[in-house]
Amino acid sequence: MNEVLKTIKNRRSVRHYSSEQICQESLDLILDAGGYAPSAHNQQTWHFTVIQNQKLLEHINETVRREMAGSEVEWIRKMGSNPDFLVTYNAPTLIIVSGRTDGIAWAADCAAAIQNMLLAAESLDIGSVWLGLLRFFFEEKKNKDLLGIPDGYEPYYGVSFGYKVKDKIPVVPKRNLDVVNYIR
């Protein structure tokens, strides 16, 4: 099997990280991969905010947990009520991907950039997880300002990155392969 397909099949959502910060060279390669994602009409509508400041990561985790605890959705409220829950899973690096909202398909562009970054990280033996619950942090404008997100951009999702704790890597979940039909 070629290396690209092997990387795709080996990638997992990692939720356990060592405290060691990923090296700048690897971070640059991950960001570069994001910038090479396909985008509608080559508009390249993404913007990447890299957060490695521990105090800001703690603030994000506390804010998200507090907002989740007040959710009307039971499973979200339950997660947010857990004092040990960290939306970033204690990863030393968080990348927020924002999209320029005047783009033709900015959300799809950002999703493609995130997928490229996830695969690049796996190819470098760096763990990652796509974070949907960060939306609780993005809801307040002051938090967007805190992150330095440029005017005209909307935060889409975040991704945690860090070196994997080797004995905590998830096993391959069963894949649903019965999702194809052919019209020939």
N, C-alpha and C. Protein backbone atom coordinates (compact mmCIF):
# COMPACT_ATOMS: atom_id res chain seq x y z
N MET A 1 0.85 -1.17 0.00
CA MET A 1 0.00 0.00 0.00
C MET A 1 0.90 1.24 0.00
N ASN A 2 0.53 2.25 -0.79
CA ASN A 2 1.37 3.45 -0.83
C ASN A 2 1.25 4.26 0.46
N GLU A 3 2.19 5.18 0.67
CA GLU A 3 2.28 5.92 1.93
C GLU A 3 1.07 6.82 2.19
N VAL A 4 0.50 7.42 1.15
CA VAL A 4 -0.67 8.29 1.34
C VAL A 4 -1.84 7.46 1.86
N LEU A 5 -2.13 6.34 1.22
CA LEU A 5 -3.23 5.50 1.67
C LEU A 5 -2.99 4.94 3.07
N LYS A 6 -1.75 4.60 3.36
CA LYS A 6 -1.40 4.10 4.69
C LYS A 6 -1.65 5.20 5.74
N THR A 7 -1.27 6.42 5.44
CA THR A 7 -1.49 7.54 6.36
C THR A 7 -2.98 7.76 6.59
N ILE A 8 -3.76 7.73 5.52
CA ILE A 8 -5.22 7.90 5.65
C ILE A 8 -5.80 6.82 6.56
N LYS A 9 -5.39 5.59 6.37
CA LYS A 9 -5.95 4.49 7.15
C LYS A 9 -5.43 4.45 8.59
N ASN A 10 -4.28 5.03 8.85
CA ASN A 10 -3.71 5.03 10.20
C ASN A 10 -4.17 6.21 11.05
N ARG A 11 -4.68 7.26 10.44
CA ARG A 11 -5.05 8.47 11.19
C ARG A 11 -6.20 8.18 12.15
N ARG A 12 -6.06 8.63 13.39
CA ARG A 12 -7.07 8.47 14.43
C ARG A 12 -7.27 9.80 15.12
N SER A 13 -8.42 9.97 15.75
CA SER A 13 -8.64 11.12 16.62
C SER A 13 -7.97 10.83 17.95
N VAL A 14 -6.88 11.53 18.21
CA VAL A 14 -6.07 11.30 19.39
C VAL A 14 -6.50 12.27 20.49
N ARG A 15 -6.71 11.74 21.68
CA ARG A 15 -7.17 12.56 22.80
C ARG A 15 -6.25 12.47 24.02
N HIS A 16 -5.05 11.94 23.82
CA HIS A 16 -4.04 11.85 24.88
C HIS A 16 -2.71 12.28 24.30
N TYR A 17 -2.12 13.32 24.90
CA TYR A 17 -0.89 13.91 24.37
C TYR A 17 0.17 14.03 25.46
N SER A 18 1.43 13.96 25.04
CA SER A 18 2.50 14.29 25.96
C SER A 18 2.52 15.81 26.12
N SER A 19 3.15 16.31 27.14
CA SER A 19 3.20 17.75 27.38
C SER A 19 4.23 18.45 26.50
N GLU A 20 5.08 17.67 25.82
CA GLU A 20 6.13 18.25 24.97
C GLU A 20 5.49 18.99 23.78
N GLN A 21 5.95 20.23 23.57
CA GLN A 21 5.45 21.01 22.45
C GLN A 21 5.97 20.43 21.13
N ILE A 22 5.12 20.42 20.10
CA ILE A 22 5.59 19.94 18.80
C ILE A 22 6.62 20.94 18.25
N CYS A 23 7.56 20.42 17.50
CA CYS A 23 8.64 21.28 17.02
C CYS A 23 8.13 22.21 15.91
N GLN A 24 8.78 23.34 15.77
CA GLN A 24 8.37 24.36 14.80
C GLN A 24 8.40 23.81 13.37
N GLU A 25 9.38 22.99 13.06
CA GLU A 25 9.46 22.42 11.71
C GLU A 25 8.22 21.60 11.38
N SER A 26 7.78 20.77 12.32
CA SER A 26 6.56 19.97 12.10
C SER A 26 5.34 20.87 12.00
N LEU A 27 5.25 21.87 12.88
CA LEU A 27 4.13 22.80 12.84
C LEU A 27 4.07 23.51 11.48
N ASP A 28 5.21 23.93 10.98
CA ASP A 28 5.25 24.59 9.67
C ASP A 28 4.78 23.67 8.56
N LEU A 29 5.15 22.40 8.62
CA LEU A 29 4.72 21.43 7.61
C LEU A 29 3.20 21.20 7.68
N ILE A 30 2.67 21.15 8.88
CA ILE A 30 1.22 20.97 9.06
C ILE A 30 0.47 22.18 8.49
N LEU A 31 0.93 23.38 8.82
CA LEU A 31 0.28 24.59 8.31
C LEU A 31 0.40 24.70 6.79
N ASP A 32 1.56 24.32 6.27
CA ASP A 32 1.77 24.34 4.82
C ASP A 32 0.80 23.39 4.13
N ALA A 33 0.60 22.21 4.72
CA ALA A 33 -0.36 21.25 4.15
C ALA A 33 -1.77 21.84 4.13
N GLY A 34 -2.14 22.55 5.20
CA GLY A 34 -3.44 23.21 5.23
C GLY A 34 -3.59 24.21 4.11
N GLY A 35 -2.53 24.95 3.84
CA GLY A 35 -2.55 25.96 2.78
C GLY A 35 -2.57 25.38 1.38
N TYR A 36 -2.29 24.11 1.24
CA TYR A 36 -2.34 23.45 -0.07
C TYR A 36 -3.65 22.71 -0.31
N ALA A 37 -4.62 22.92 0.55
CA ALA A 37 -5.92 22.27 0.37
C ALA A 37 -6.62 22.84 -0.87
N PRO A 38 -7.50 22.06 -1.46
CA PRO A 38 -8.31 22.61 -2.55
C PRO A 38 -9.30 23.63 -1.98
N SER A 39 -9.66 24.58 -2.81
CA SER A 39 -10.66 25.57 -2.39
C SER A 39 -11.46 26.01 -3.62
N ALA A 40 -12.70 26.40 -3.37
CA ALA A 40 -13.59 26.82 -4.46
C ALA A 40 -12.98 28.02 -5.18
N HIS A 41 -12.85 27.90 -6.48
CA HIS A 41 -12.28 28.95 -7.33
C HIS A 41 -10.91 29.41 -6.84
N ASN A 42 -10.21 28.52 -6.16
CA ASN A 42 -8.88 28.79 -5.61
C ASN A 42 -8.86 30.06 -4.75
N GLN A 43 -9.97 30.30 -4.04
CA GLN A 43 -10.05 31.50 -3.21
C GLN A 43 -9.21 31.40 -1.94
N GLN A 44 -8.87 30.18 -1.51
CA GLN A 44 -8.03 29.99 -0.32
C GLN A 44 -8.53 30.84 0.83
N THR A 45 -9.77 30.60 1.24
CA THR A 45 -10.48 31.46 2.19
C THR A 45 -10.12 31.23 3.66
N TRP A 46 -9.15 30.38 3.94
CA TRP A 46 -8.84 30.02 5.32
C TRP A 46 -7.87 30.99 5.98
N HIS A 47 -7.90 30.97 7.30
CA HIS A 47 -6.93 31.67 8.14
C HIS A 47 -6.65 30.76 9.33
N PHE A 48 -5.39 30.64 9.71
CA PHE A 48 -4.99 29.74 10.79
C PHE A 48 -4.48 30.55 11.98
N THR A 49 -5.05 30.29 13.14
CA THR A 49 -4.60 30.90 14.39
C THR A 49 -3.98 29.80 15.22
N VAL A 50 -2.67 29.91 15.46
CA VAL A 50 -1.94 28.89 16.22
C VAL A 50 -1.83 29.35 17.67
N ILE A 51 -2.31 28.52 18.57
CA ILE A 51 -2.26 28.85 20.00
C ILE A 51 -1.39 27.81 20.70
N GLN A 52 -0.31 28.31 21.31
CA GLN A 52 0.56 27.46 22.11
C GLN A 52 0.76 28.04 23.51
N ASN A 53 0.08 29.12 23.81
CA ASN A 53 0.15 29.77 25.10
C ASN A 53 -0.70 28.99 26.10
N GLN A 54 -0.06 28.45 27.12
CA GLN A 54 -0.75 27.57 28.08
C GLN A 54 -1.88 28.28 28.81
N LYS A 55 -1.68 29.53 29.19
CA LYS A 55 -2.74 30.27 29.91
C LYS A 55 -3.96 30.48 29.02
N LEU A 56 -3.75 30.77 27.74
CA LEU A 56 -4.88 30.94 26.83
C LEU A 56 -5.58 29.60 26.60
N LEU A 57 -4.82 28.51 26.47
CA LEU A 57 -5.45 27.20 26.33
C LEU A 57 -6.29 26.85 27.55
N GLU A 58 -5.79 27.17 28.74
CA GLU A 58 -6.57 26.93 29.96
C GLU A 58 -7.85 27.77 29.95
N HIS A 59 -7.75 29.03 29.53
CA HIS A 59 -8.92 29.91 29.46
C HIS A 59 -9.96 29.34 28.48
N ILE A 60 -9.50 28.88 27.34
CA ILE A 60 -10.42 28.30 26.35
C ILE A 60 -11.11 27.08 26.94
N ASN A 61 -10.36 26.19 27.58
CA ASN A 61 -10.94 25.00 28.19
C ASN A 61 -11.97 25.35 29.26
N GLU A 62 -11.64 26.31 30.13
CA GLU A 62 -12.56 26.71 31.19
C GLU A 62 -13.83 27.33 30.62
N THR A 63 -13.67 28.19 29.62
CA THR A 63 -14.83 28.86 29.02
C THR A 63 -15.75 27.86 28.34
N VAL A 64 -15.17 26.95 27.56
CA VAL A 64 -15.97 25.95 26.86
C VAL A 64 -16.70 25.05 27.85
N ARG A 65 -16.00 24.61 28.88
CA ARG A 65 -16.62 23.73 29.88
C ARG A 65 -17.80 24.45 30.56
N ARG A 66 -17.61 25.71 30.94
CA ARG A 66 -18.68 26.48 31.59
C ARG A 66 -19.89 26.64 30.66
N GLU A 67 -19.63 26.98 29.40
CA GLU A 67 -20.73 27.16 28.44
C GLU A 67 -21.45 25.85 28.16
N MET A 68 -20.69 24.76 28.06
CA MET A 68 -21.30 23.45 27.84
C MET A 68 -22.18 23.04 29.01
N ALA A 69 -21.74 23.35 30.22
CA ALA A 69 -22.50 22.98 31.42
C ALA A 69 -23.88 23.63 31.44
N GLY A 70 -24.04 24.73 30.72
CA GLY A 70 -25.33 25.40 30.65
C GLY A 70 -26.15 25.04 29.43
N SER A 71 -25.70 24.08 28.66
CA SER A 71 -26.39 23.69 27.44
C SER A 71 -27.73 23.02 27.73
N GLU A 72 -28.65 23.16 26.81
CA GLU A 72 -29.94 22.46 26.91
C GLU A 72 -29.83 21.01 26.46
N VAL A 73 -28.75 20.66 25.77
CA VAL A 73 -28.55 19.30 25.28
C VAL A 73 -27.88 18.48 26.39
N GLU A 74 -28.52 17.38 26.77
CA GLU A 74 -28.09 16.62 27.95
C GLU A 74 -26.64 16.14 27.87
N TRP A 75 -26.25 15.51 26.76
CA TRP A 75 -24.89 14.95 26.70
C TRP A 75 -23.84 16.06 26.73
N ILE A 76 -24.15 17.22 26.15
CA ILE A 76 -23.22 18.35 26.18
C ILE A 76 -23.14 18.90 27.61
N ARG A 77 -24.28 19.06 28.26
CA ARG A 77 -24.32 19.55 29.64
C ARG A 77 -23.55 18.61 30.57
N LYS A 78 -23.70 17.31 30.35
CA LYS A 78 -23.01 16.32 31.19
C LYS A 78 -21.49 16.43 31.01
N MET A 79 -21.03 16.54 29.76
CA MET A 79 -19.58 16.69 29.52
C MET A 79 -19.06 17.97 30.17
N GLY A 80 -19.81 19.07 30.00
CA GLY A 80 -19.38 20.35 30.55
C GLY A 80 -19.40 20.39 32.06
N SER A 81 -20.18 19.54 32.68
CA SER A 81 -20.25 19.47 34.14
C SER A 81 -19.12 18.65 34.73
N ASN A 82 -18.37 17.97 33.90
CA ASN A 82 -17.23 17.17 34.36
C ASN A 82 -16.03 18.10 34.53
N PRO A 83 -15.56 18.31 35.77
CA PRO A 83 -14.45 19.25 35.99
C PRO A 83 -13.13 18.82 35.34
N ASP A 84 -13.04 17.58 34.92
CA ASP A 84 -11.82 17.09 34.28
C ASP A 84 -11.84 17.22 32.76
N PHE A 85 -13.00 17.60 32.18
CA PHE A 85 -13.10 17.68 30.72
C PHE A 85 -12.32 18.88 30.19
N LEU A 86 -11.48 18.61 29.20
CA LEU A 86 -10.72 19.65 28.50
C LEU A 86 -11.03 19.52 27.02
N VAL A 87 -11.63 20.53 26.44
CA VAL A 87 -12.01 20.45 25.03
C VAL A 87 -10.79 20.25 24.13
N THR A 88 -9.62 20.72 24.56
CA THR A 88 -8.40 20.56 23.77
C THR A 88 -7.64 19.29 24.13
N TYR A 89 -8.14 18.55 25.09
CA TYR A 89 -7.53 17.29 25.53
C TYR A 89 -6.07 17.46 25.97
N ASN A 90 -5.77 18.63 26.50
CA ASN A 90 -4.42 18.91 27.02
C ASN A 90 -3.34 18.90 25.94
N ALA A 91 -3.72 19.08 24.70
CA ALA A 91 -2.72 19.16 23.62
C ALA A 91 -1.95 20.47 23.76
N PRO A 92 -0.67 20.47 23.45
CA PRO A 92 0.11 21.70 23.60
C PRO A 92 -0.10 22.72 22.47
N THR A 93 -0.72 22.29 21.37
CA THR A 93 -0.97 23.20 20.24
C THR A 93 -2.42 23.08 19.80
N LEU A 94 -3.03 24.23 19.60
CA LEU A 94 -4.38 24.31 19.06
C LEU A 94 -4.33 25.22 17.85
N ILE A 95 -4.91 24.76 16.75
CA ILE A 95 -5.02 25.61 15.57
C ILE A 95 -6.50 25.84 15.31
N ILE A 96 -6.88 27.12 15.30
CA ILE A 96 -8.24 27.52 14.95
C ILE A 96 -8.24 27.83 13.46
N VAL A 97 -9.16 27.21 12.73
CA VAL A 97 -9.29 27.47 11.29
C VAL A 97 -10.53 28.33 11.10
N SER A 98 -10.32 29.50 10.54
CA SER A 98 -11.40 30.45 10.26
C SER A 98 -11.53 30.61 8.76
N GLY A 99 -12.72 31.00 8.33
CA GLY A 99 -12.96 31.18 6.90
C GLY A 99 -13.42 32.59 6.57
N ARG A 100 -12.98 33.07 5.43
CA ARG A 100 -13.43 34.38 4.94
C ARG A 100 -14.84 34.22 4.41
N THR A 101 -15.78 34.85 5.08
CA THR A 101 -17.19 34.56 4.84
C THR A 101 -17.72 35.07 3.51
N ASP A 102 -16.95 35.87 2.79
CA ASP A 102 -17.40 36.28 1.45
C ASP A 102 -16.96 35.27 0.39
N GLY A 103 -16.31 34.20 0.81
CA GLY A 103 -15.89 33.16 -0.12
C GLY A 103 -17.07 32.34 -0.61
N ILE A 104 -16.91 31.76 -1.77
CA ILE A 104 -17.99 30.97 -2.38
C ILE A 104 -18.37 29.77 -1.52
N ALA A 105 -17.37 29.07 -1.01
CA ALA A 105 -17.62 27.85 -0.22
C ALA A 105 -16.62 27.78 0.93
N TRP A 106 -16.58 28.83 1.74
CA TRP A 106 -15.54 28.94 2.77
C TRP A 106 -15.56 27.79 3.77
N ALA A 107 -16.73 27.28 4.14
CA ALA A 107 -16.78 26.18 5.10
C ALA A 107 -16.15 24.92 4.51
N ALA A 108 -16.44 24.63 3.25
CA ALA A 108 -15.83 23.46 2.59
C ALA A 108 -14.33 23.67 2.43
N ASP A 109 -13.92 24.89 2.11
CA ASP A 109 -12.49 25.19 1.99
C ASP A 109 -11.78 24.90 3.31
N CYS A 110 -12.37 25.37 4.41
CA CYS A 110 -11.78 25.16 5.74
C CYS A 110 -11.74 23.68 6.10
N ALA A 111 -12.80 22.95 5.77
CA ALA A 111 -12.82 21.51 6.06
C ALA A 111 -11.71 20.80 5.30
N ALA A 112 -11.49 21.18 4.06
CA ALA A 112 -10.41 20.56 3.27
C ALA A 112 -9.05 20.89 3.89
N ALA A 113 -8.87 22.12 4.35
CA ALA A 113 -7.61 22.51 4.98
C ALA A 113 -7.38 21.71 6.26
N ILE A 114 -8.44 21.53 7.05
CA ILE A 114 -8.32 20.75 8.28
C ILE A 114 -7.93 19.31 7.95
N GLN A 115 -8.57 18.70 6.97
CA GLN A 115 -8.24 17.32 6.61
C GLN A 115 -6.78 17.21 6.18
N ASN A 116 -6.31 18.16 5.39
CA ASN A 116 -4.90 18.13 4.99
C ASN A 116 -3.99 18.20 6.21
N MET A 117 -4.34 19.05 7.18
CA MET A 117 -3.51 19.18 8.38
C MET A 117 -3.54 17.91 9.22
N LEU A 118 -4.71 17.27 9.33
CA LEU A 118 -4.81 16.02 10.07
C LEU A 118 -3.92 14.94 9.45
N LEU A 119 -3.96 14.86 8.13
CA LEU A 119 -3.14 13.84 7.44
C LEU A 119 -1.66 14.17 7.53
N ALA A 120 -1.31 15.45 7.41
CA ALA A 120 0.09 15.83 7.54
C ALA A 120 0.60 15.48 8.93
N ALA A 121 -0.20 15.76 9.96
CA ALA A 121 0.21 15.44 11.32
C ALA A 121 0.45 13.94 11.47
N GLU A 122 -0.47 13.13 10.97
CA GLU A 122 -0.29 11.68 11.06
C GLU A 122 0.98 11.24 10.36
N SER A 123 1.27 11.82 9.21
CA SER A 123 2.48 11.43 8.48
C SER A 123 3.74 11.77 9.26
N LEU A 124 3.64 12.72 10.20
CA LEU A 124 4.77 13.13 11.04
C LEU A 124 4.72 12.46 12.43
N ASP A 125 3.81 11.51 12.60
CA ASP A 125 3.59 10.80 13.87
C ASP A 125 3.18 11.76 14.99
N ILE A 126 2.39 12.76 14.61
CA ILE A 126 1.82 13.71 15.57
C ILE A 126 0.33 13.44 15.65
N GLY A 127 -0.18 13.40 16.87
CA GLY A 127 -1.60 13.17 17.07
C GLY A 127 -2.41 14.42 16.85
N SER A 128 -3.68 14.22 16.52
CA SER A 128 -4.58 15.36 16.29
C SER A 128 -6.02 14.92 16.50
N VAL A 129 -6.87 15.91 16.77
CA VAL A 129 -8.30 15.66 16.85
C VAL A 129 -9.02 16.93 16.43
N TRP A 130 -10.03 16.76 15.58
CA TRP A 130 -10.89 17.85 15.09
C TRP A 130 -11.87 18.17 16.20
N LEU A 131 -11.97 19.44 16.60
CA LEU A 131 -12.75 19.84 17.76
C LEU A 131 -14.00 20.62 17.38
N GLY A 132 -15.13 19.97 17.46
CA GLY A 132 -16.39 20.63 17.15
C GLY A 132 -16.94 21.45 18.31
N LEU A 133 -16.62 21.07 19.54
CA LEU A 133 -17.20 21.74 20.70
C LEU A 133 -16.58 23.11 20.97
N LEU A 134 -15.55 23.48 20.23
CA LEU A 134 -14.99 24.82 20.39
C LEU A 134 -16.00 25.90 20.01
N ARG A 135 -17.09 25.51 19.34
CA ARG A 135 -18.10 26.49 18.95
C ARG A 135 -18.62 27.25 20.17
N PHE A 136 -18.57 26.62 21.35
CA PHE A 136 -19.01 27.31 22.56
C PHE A 136 -18.09 28.48 22.89
N PHE A 137 -16.85 28.44 22.46
CA PHE A 137 -15.92 29.54 22.69
C PHE A 137 -16.11 30.64 21.65
N PHE A 138 -16.51 30.24 20.45
CA PHE A 138 -16.62 31.20 19.35
C PHE A 138 -17.88 32.06 19.44
N GLU A 139 -18.84 31.68 20.28
CA GLU A 139 -20.13 32.36 20.29
C GLU A 139 -20.03 33.81 20.75
N GLU A 140 -19.06 34.15 21.57
CA GLU A 140 -18.91 35.52 22.03
C GLU A 140 -17.89 36.26 21.19
N LYS A 141 -18.27 37.45 20.72
CA LYS A 141 -17.39 38.24 19.87
C LYS A 141 -16.05 38.54 20.55
N LYS A 142 -16.10 38.79 21.88
CA LYS A 142 -14.86 39.12 22.58
C LYS A 142 -13.84 37.99 22.46
N ASN A 143 -14.31 36.75 22.38
CA ASN A 143 -13.39 35.63 22.24
C ASN A 143 -12.77 35.59 20.85
N LYS A 144 -13.53 35.97 19.82
CA LYS A 144 -12.97 36.07 18.47
C LYS A 144 -11.89 37.14 18.44
N ASP A 145 -12.16 38.25 19.13
CA ASP A 145 -11.17 39.33 19.19
C ASP A 145 -9.91 38.87 19.93
N LEU A 146 -10.09 38.13 21.02
CA LEU A 146 -8.97 37.61 21.80
C LEU A 146 -8.05 36.75 20.94
N LEU A 147 -8.64 36.02 19.99
CA LEU A 147 -7.86 35.14 19.12
C LEU A 147 -7.23 35.87 17.93
N GLY A 148 -7.56 37.14 17.76
CA GLY A 148 -6.99 37.90 16.65
C GLY A 148 -7.50 37.46 15.29
N ILE A 149 -8.72 36.98 15.24
CA ILE A 149 -9.29 36.54 13.96
C ILE A 149 -9.61 37.79 13.14
N PRO A 150 -9.11 37.86 11.93
CA PRO A 150 -9.29 39.08 11.12
C PRO A 150 -10.76 39.36 10.81
N ASP A 151 -11.06 40.64 10.61
CA ASP A 151 -12.40 41.03 10.19
C ASP A 151 -12.77 40.30 8.91
N GLY A 152 -14.02 39.90 8.81
CA GLY A 152 -14.50 39.21 7.62
C GLY A 152 -14.30 37.70 7.67
N TYR A 153 -13.70 37.21 8.75
CA TYR A 153 -13.47 35.77 8.93
C TYR A 153 -14.32 35.26 10.08
N GLU A 154 -14.77 34.05 9.95
CA GLU A 154 -15.57 33.40 10.97
C GLU A 154 -14.85 32.13 11.42
N PRO A 155 -14.65 31.92 12.75
CA PRO A 155 -14.03 30.68 13.19
C PRO A 155 -14.89 29.49 12.78
N TYR A 156 -14.24 28.48 12.26
CA TYR A 156 -14.96 27.30 11.76
C TYR A 156 -14.82 26.17 12.78
N TYR A 157 -13.65 25.63 12.92
CA TYR A 157 -13.36 24.59 13.89
C TYR A 157 -11.93 24.76 14.37
N GLY A 158 -11.57 23.96 15.35
CA GLY A 158 -10.20 23.92 15.82
C GLY A 158 -9.69 22.50 15.75
N VAL A 159 -8.37 22.38 15.81
CA VAL A 159 -7.72 21.06 15.82
C VAL A 159 -6.63 21.09 16.88
N SER A 160 -6.63 20.10 17.76
CA SER A 160 -5.56 19.92 18.73
C SER A 160 -4.45 19.08 18.12
N PHE A 161 -3.21 19.46 18.42
CA PHE A 161 -2.04 18.73 17.92
C PHE A 161 -1.04 18.51 19.06
N GLY A 162 -0.43 17.33 19.07
CA GLY A 162 0.61 17.04 20.04
C GLY A 162 1.19 15.66 19.80
N TYR A 163 2.28 15.38 20.48
CA TYR A 163 2.87 14.05 20.37
C TYR A 163 1.96 13.06 21.09
N LYS A 164 1.76 11.93 20.46
CA LYS A 164 0.84 10.91 20.97
C LYS A 164 1.41 10.21 22.20
N VAL A 165 0.52 9.89 23.14
CA VAL A 165 0.87 8.98 24.23
C VAL A 165 0.67 7.58 23.64
N LYS A 166 1.76 6.88 23.41
CA LYS A 166 1.74 5.65 22.59
C LYS A 166 0.79 4.57 23.10
N ASP A 167 0.63 4.43 24.40
CA ASP A 167 -0.25 3.37 24.89
C ASP A 167 -1.72 3.80 24.94
N LYS A 168 -2.04 5.00 24.42
CA LYS A 168 -3.41 5.51 24.44
C LYS A 168 -3.95 5.78 23.04
N ILE A 169 -3.31 5.24 22.01
CA ILE A 169 -3.77 5.46 20.64
C ILE A 169 -5.00 4.59 20.40
N PRO A 170 -6.08 5.19 19.92
CA PRO A 170 -7.31 4.41 19.71
C PRO A 170 -7.12 3.32 18.64
N VAL A 171 -7.86 2.23 18.82
CA VAL A 171 -7.85 1.17 17.82
C VAL A 171 -8.72 1.59 16.64
N VAL A 172 -8.55 0.92 15.54
CA VAL A 172 -9.31 1.23 14.33
C VAL A 172 -10.77 0.83 14.55
N PRO A 173 -11.67 1.80 14.47
CA PRO A 173 -13.07 1.41 14.60
C PRO A 173 -13.54 0.70 13.33
N LYS A 174 -14.54 -0.14 13.49
CA LYS A 174 -15.10 -0.83 12.33
C LYS A 174 -15.58 0.21 11.33
N ARG A 175 -15.24 0.03 10.09
CA ARG A 175 -15.62 0.97 9.04
C ARG A 175 -16.87 0.48 8.33
N ASN A 176 -17.75 1.38 8.01
CA ASN A 176 -18.94 1.06 7.21
C ASN A 176 -18.53 1.19 5.74
N LEU A 177 -18.31 0.06 5.10
CA LEU A 177 -17.85 0.08 3.71
C LEU A 177 -18.98 -0.13 2.72
N ASP A 178 -20.19 -0.30 3.23
CA ASP A 178 -21.34 -0.52 2.35
C ASP A 178 -22.02 0.82 2.04
N VAL A 179 -21.26 1.72 1.44
CA VAL A 179 -21.76 3.08 1.18
C VAL A 179 -21.59 3.50 -0.28
N VAL A 180 -21.40 2.51 -1.16
CA VAL A 180 -21.13 2.81 -2.57
C VAL A 180 -22.15 2.13 -3.46
N ASN A 181 -22.68 2.86 -4.41
CA ASN A 181 -23.41 2.22 -5.49
C ASN A 181 -22.84 2.73 -6.81
N TYR A 182 -22.90 1.91 -7.80
CA TYR A 182 -22.34 2.23 -9.12
C TYR A 182 -23.46 2.39 -10.13
N ILE A 183 -23.29 3.36 -10.98
CA ILE A 183 -24.16 3.53 -12.15
C ILE A 183 -23.21 3.56 -13.34
N ARG A 184 -23.23 2.47 -14.11
CA ARG A 184 -22.27 2.36 -15.23
C ARG A 184 -23.00 2.27 -16.54
